[in-house]
Structures are given as C-alpha cells and as structure tokens.
Amino acid sequence: MSEIFVLSVGVDSMILEARARLLRSAGFNVVSAMSIKEAFRLFQDGDFDLLLLCHTLPAQDRERLLRLIRASGIPVASIYGSLGDLSDTTAARVEAILRGSSRS
C-alpha cells in the first residue's frame, strides 16, 4: 500500500487514539487533532489524503471544517461509533472512501 495520510479530528482522545492505532496497524499514517483550530493548522501544513471527522466533534465545528476543506478536493468522512464499536471495519471503511475518491 502506498503511503496514505489521514487527518483524524475529534474531541474524545480515547476514541481518536484507538482509531489511530487501528488505522496505523492497517498501514495508514494518521495524525490526530483535538480541535478545529489544530485540525486546520495541521491541514495547512500537511498533505493529507483523507479527513476523518469523529462524531465527538461539535456539529458547528464539523460543518465549519467541512466548508474549509471541501474546496481542496480531499475526501471528508464522518465516522460514528464508540470505543466499543471500533474494529477492523474502520480501516476497511477508510479504504472504501479512498477508492471512491478522485485522489486515490
């Protein structure tokens, strides 16, 4: 698998870390951000293939970030679920999103 960089954004550090571990074990490079400000800074400084928005991010922040990022052409996806819901399907869902995007 080529190097794929994912920016994961949310406010629940346990969910972000668990999701990052799962995605890293599937071969993705993951950077996590716990605020919209941090996410936007990281996005400007990096070259990401996908932006994952965790359901823990407040809706207004999620919408604001979506508006800012969509113009770049980078796919954006919301991933829902609790720590108990995280599984290997997270990586499979990310792969499916990337296959369906024009940047993959």
C-alpha atoms as a PDB file:
ATOM      1  CA  MET A   1       0.000   0.000   0.000  1.00  0.00           C
ATOM      2  CA  SER A   2       1.308   3.445  -0.851  1.00  0.00           C
ATOM      3  CA  GLU A   3       1.629   5.955   1.927  1.00  0.00           C
ATOM      4  CA  ILE A   4      -1.783   7.358   2.742  1.00  0.00           C
ATOM      5  CA  PHE A   5      -2.025  10.202   5.214  1.00  0.00           C
ATOM      6  CA  VAL A   6      -5.202  10.615   7.260  1.00  0.00           C
ATOM      7  CA  LEU A   7      -6.105  13.584   9.456  1.00  0.00           C
ATOM      8  CA  SER A   8      -8.479  12.409  12.186  1.00  0.00           C
ATOM      9  CA  VAL A   9     -10.357  15.097  14.110  1.00  0.00           C
ATOM     10  CA  GLY A  10     -12.442  14.779  17.275  1.00  0.00           C
ATOM     11  CA  VAL A  11     -12.601  15.769  20.912  1.00  0.00           C
ATOM     12  CA  ASP A  12     -12.552  12.340  22.580  1.00  0.00           C
ATOM     13  CA  SER A  13      -8.877  11.432  22.964  1.00  0.00           C
ATOM     14  CA  MET A  14      -9.606   7.775  23.733  1.00  0.00           C
ATOM     15  CA  ILE A  15     -11.628   7.304  20.537  1.00  0.00           C
ATOM     16  CA  LEU A  16      -9.077   9.224  18.456  1.00  0.00           C
ATOM     17  CA  GLU A  17      -6.178   7.167  19.813  1.00  0.00           C
ATOM     18  CA  ALA A  18      -7.983   3.845  19.376  1.00  0.00           C
ATOM     19  CA  ARG A  19      -8.957   4.755  15.809  1.00  0.00           C
ATOM     20  CA  ALA A  20      -5.392   5.898  15.061  1.00  0.00           C
ATOM     21  CA  ARG A  21      -3.980   2.585  16.350  1.00  0.00           C
ATOM     22  CA  LEU A  22      -6.378   0.598  14.157  1.00  0.00           C
ATOM     23  CA  LEU A  23      -5.614   2.652  11.072  1.00  0.00           C
ATOM     24  CA  ARG A  24      -1.864   2.549  11.676  1.00  0.00           C
ATOM     25  CA  SER A  25      -1.992  -1.230  12.016  1.00  0.00           C
ATOM     26  CA  ALA A  26      -3.692  -1.277   8.584  1.00  0.00           C
ATOM     27  CA  GLY A  27      -0.805   0.731   7.113  1.00  0.00           C
ATOM     28  CA  PHE A  28      -2.164   4.271   7.199  1.00  0.00           C
ATOM     29  CA  ASN A  29      -0.251   7.282   8.510  1.00  0.00           C
ATOM     30  CA  VAL A  30      -2.548   9.023  10.974  1.00  0.00           C
ATOM     31  CA  VAL A  31      -2.329  12.469  12.536  1.00  0.00           C
ATOM     32  CA  SER A  32      -4.941  13.321  15.180  1.00  0.00           C
ATOM     33  CA  ALA A  33      -6.288  16.740  16.109  1.00  0.00           C
ATOM     34  CA  MET A  34      -8.496  17.551  19.091  1.00  0.00           C
ATOM     35  CA  SER A  35      -9.809  20.931  17.943  1.00  0.00           C
ATOM     36  CA  ILE A  36     -10.878  22.635  14.741  1.00  0.00           C
ATOM     37  CA  LYS A  37      -8.037  25.139  15.139  1.00  0.00           C
ATOM     38  CA  GLU A  38      -5.436  22.380  15.440  1.00  0.00           C
ATOM     39  CA  ALA A  39      -7.007  20.444  12.554  1.00  0.00           C
ATOM     40  CA  PHE A  40      -6.950  23.434  10.254  1.00  0.00           C
ATOM     41  CA  ARG A  41      -3.311  24.214  11.147  1.00  0.00           C
ATOM     42  CA  LEU A  42      -2.283  20.612  10.515  1.00  0.00           C
ATOM     43  CA  PHE A  43      -4.256  20.545   7.278  1.00  0.00           C
ATOM     44  CA  GLN A  44      -2.495  23.669   6.022  1.00  0.00           C
ATOM     45  CA  ASP A  45       0.920  22.265   6.959  1.00  0.00           C
ATOM     46  CA  GLY A  46       0.403  18.747   5.601  1.00  0.00           C
ATOM     47  CA  ASP A  47      -0.568  16.796   2.517  1.00  0.00           C
ATOM     48  CA  PHE A  48      -3.473  14.607   3.597  1.00  0.00           C
ATOM     49  CA  ASP A  49      -5.389  12.086   1.511  1.00  0.00           C
ATOM     50  CA  LEU A  50      -8.421  11.969   3.780  1.00  0.00           C
ATOM     51  CA  LEU A  51     -10.000  13.957   6.600  1.00  0.00           C
ATOM     52  CA  LEU A  52     -11.920  11.889   9.166  1.00  0.00           C
ATOM     53  CA  LEU A  53     -14.344  13.768  11.375  1.00  0.00           C
ATOM     54  CA  CYS A  54     -15.250  11.954  14.564  1.00  0.00           C
ATOM     55  CA  HIS A  55     -18.808  12.218  15.841  1.00  0.00           C
ATOM     56  CA  THR A  56     -17.378  13.681  19.068  1.00  0.00           C
ATOM     57  CA  LEU A  57     -16.556  16.943  17.307  1.00  0.00           C
ATOM     58  CA  PRO A  58     -19.318  19.507  17.902  1.00  0.00           C
ATOM     59  CA  ALA A  59     -21.614  19.810  14.869  1.00  0.00           C
ATOM     60  CA  GLN A  60     -20.843  23.501  14.320  1.00  0.00           C
ATOM     61  CA  ASP A  61     -17.091  22.793  14.260  1.00  0.00           C
ATOM     62  CA  ARG A  62     -17.598  19.804  11.965  1.00  0.00           C
ATOM     63  CA  GLU A  63     -19.596  21.949   9.499  1.00  0.00           C
ATOM     64  CA  ARG A  64     -17.061  24.773   9.609  1.00  0.00           C
ATOM     65  CA  LEU A  65     -14.176  22.413   8.905  1.00  0.00           C
ATOM     66  CA  LEU A  66     -16.130  20.741   6.093  1.00  0.00           C
ATOM     67  CA  ARG A  67     -16.667  24.083   4.363  1.00  0.00           C
ATOM     68  CA  LEU A  68     -12.969  24.953   4.625  1.00  0.00           C
ATOM     69  CA  ILE A  69     -11.648  21.580   3.433  1.00  0.00           C
ATOM     70  CA  ARG A  70     -14.086  20.546   0.694  1.00  0.00           C
ATOM     71  CA  ALA A  71     -12.700  23.071  -1.799  1.00  0.00           C
ATOM     72  CA  SER A  72      -9.337  21.276  -1.674  1.00  0.00           C
ATOM     73  CA  GLY A  73     -10.785  18.114  -3.221  1.00  0.00           C
ATOM     74  CA  ILE A  74      -9.707  15.959  -0.285  1.00  0.00           C
ATOM     75  CA  PRO A  75     -12.366  13.435   0.700  1.00  0.00           C
ATOM     76  CA  VAL A  76     -14.023  14.045   4.047  1.00  0.00           C
ATOM     77  CA  ALA A  77     -15.870  11.393   6.025  1.00  0.00           C
ATOM     78  CA  SER A  78     -17.657  11.282   9.341  1.00  0.00           C
ATOM     79  CA  ILE A  79     -17.041   8.147  11.377  1.00  0.00           C
ATOM     80  CA  TYR A  80     -19.518   7.362  14.107  1.00  0.00           C
ATOM     81  CA  GLY A  81     -19.207   4.938  16.966  1.00  0.00           C
ATOM     82  CA  SER A  82     -17.957   4.491  20.481  1.00  0.00           C
ATOM     83  CA  LEU A  83     -14.823   2.761  21.701  1.00  0.00           C
ATOM     84  CA  GLY A  84     -16.782  -0.493  21.756  1.00  0.00           C
ATOM     85  CA  ASP A  85     -17.695  -0.043  18.082  1.00  0.00           C
ATOM     86  CA  LEU A  86     -14.137   0.347  16.804  1.00  0.00           C
ATOM     87  CA  SER A  87     -12.950  -2.659  14.848  1.00  0.00           C
ATOM     88  CA  ASP A  88     -11.124  -3.699  11.703  1.00  0.00           C
ATOM     89  CA  THR A  89     -14.046  -2.317   9.718  1.00  0.00           C
ATOM     90  CA  THR A  90     -12.766   1.204  10.416  1.00  0.00           C
ATOM     91  CA  ALA A  91      -9.763   0.591   8.140  1.00  0.00           C
ATOM     92  CA  ALA A  92     -11.981  -1.078   5.537  1.00  0.00           C
ATOM     93  CA  ARG A  93     -14.326   1.923   5.557  1.00  0.00           C
ATOM     94  CA  VAL A  94     -11.381   4.289   5.088  1.00  0.00           C
ATOM     95  CA  GLU A  95     -10.096   2.215   2.172  1.00  0.00           C
ATOM     96  CA  ALA A  96     -13.554   2.247   0.565  1.00  0.00           C
ATOM     97  CA  ILE A  97     -13.781   6.027   0.952  1.00  0.00           C
ATOM     98  CA  LEU A  98     -10.370   6.485  -0.644  1.00  0.00           C
ATOM     99  CA  ARG A  99     -11.202   4.109  -3.524  1.00  0.00           C
ATOM    100  CA  GLY A 100     -14.297   6.159  -4.215  1.00  0.00           C
ATOM    101  CA  SER A 101     -12.447   9.473  -4.223  1.00  0.00           C
ATOM    102  CA  SER A 102     -10.750  11.107  -7.169  1.00  0.00           C
ATOM    103  CA  ARG A 103      -7.476  11.476  -5.248  1.00  0.00           C
ATOM    104  CA  SER A 104      -6.936   7.758  -4.541  1.00  0.00           C
END
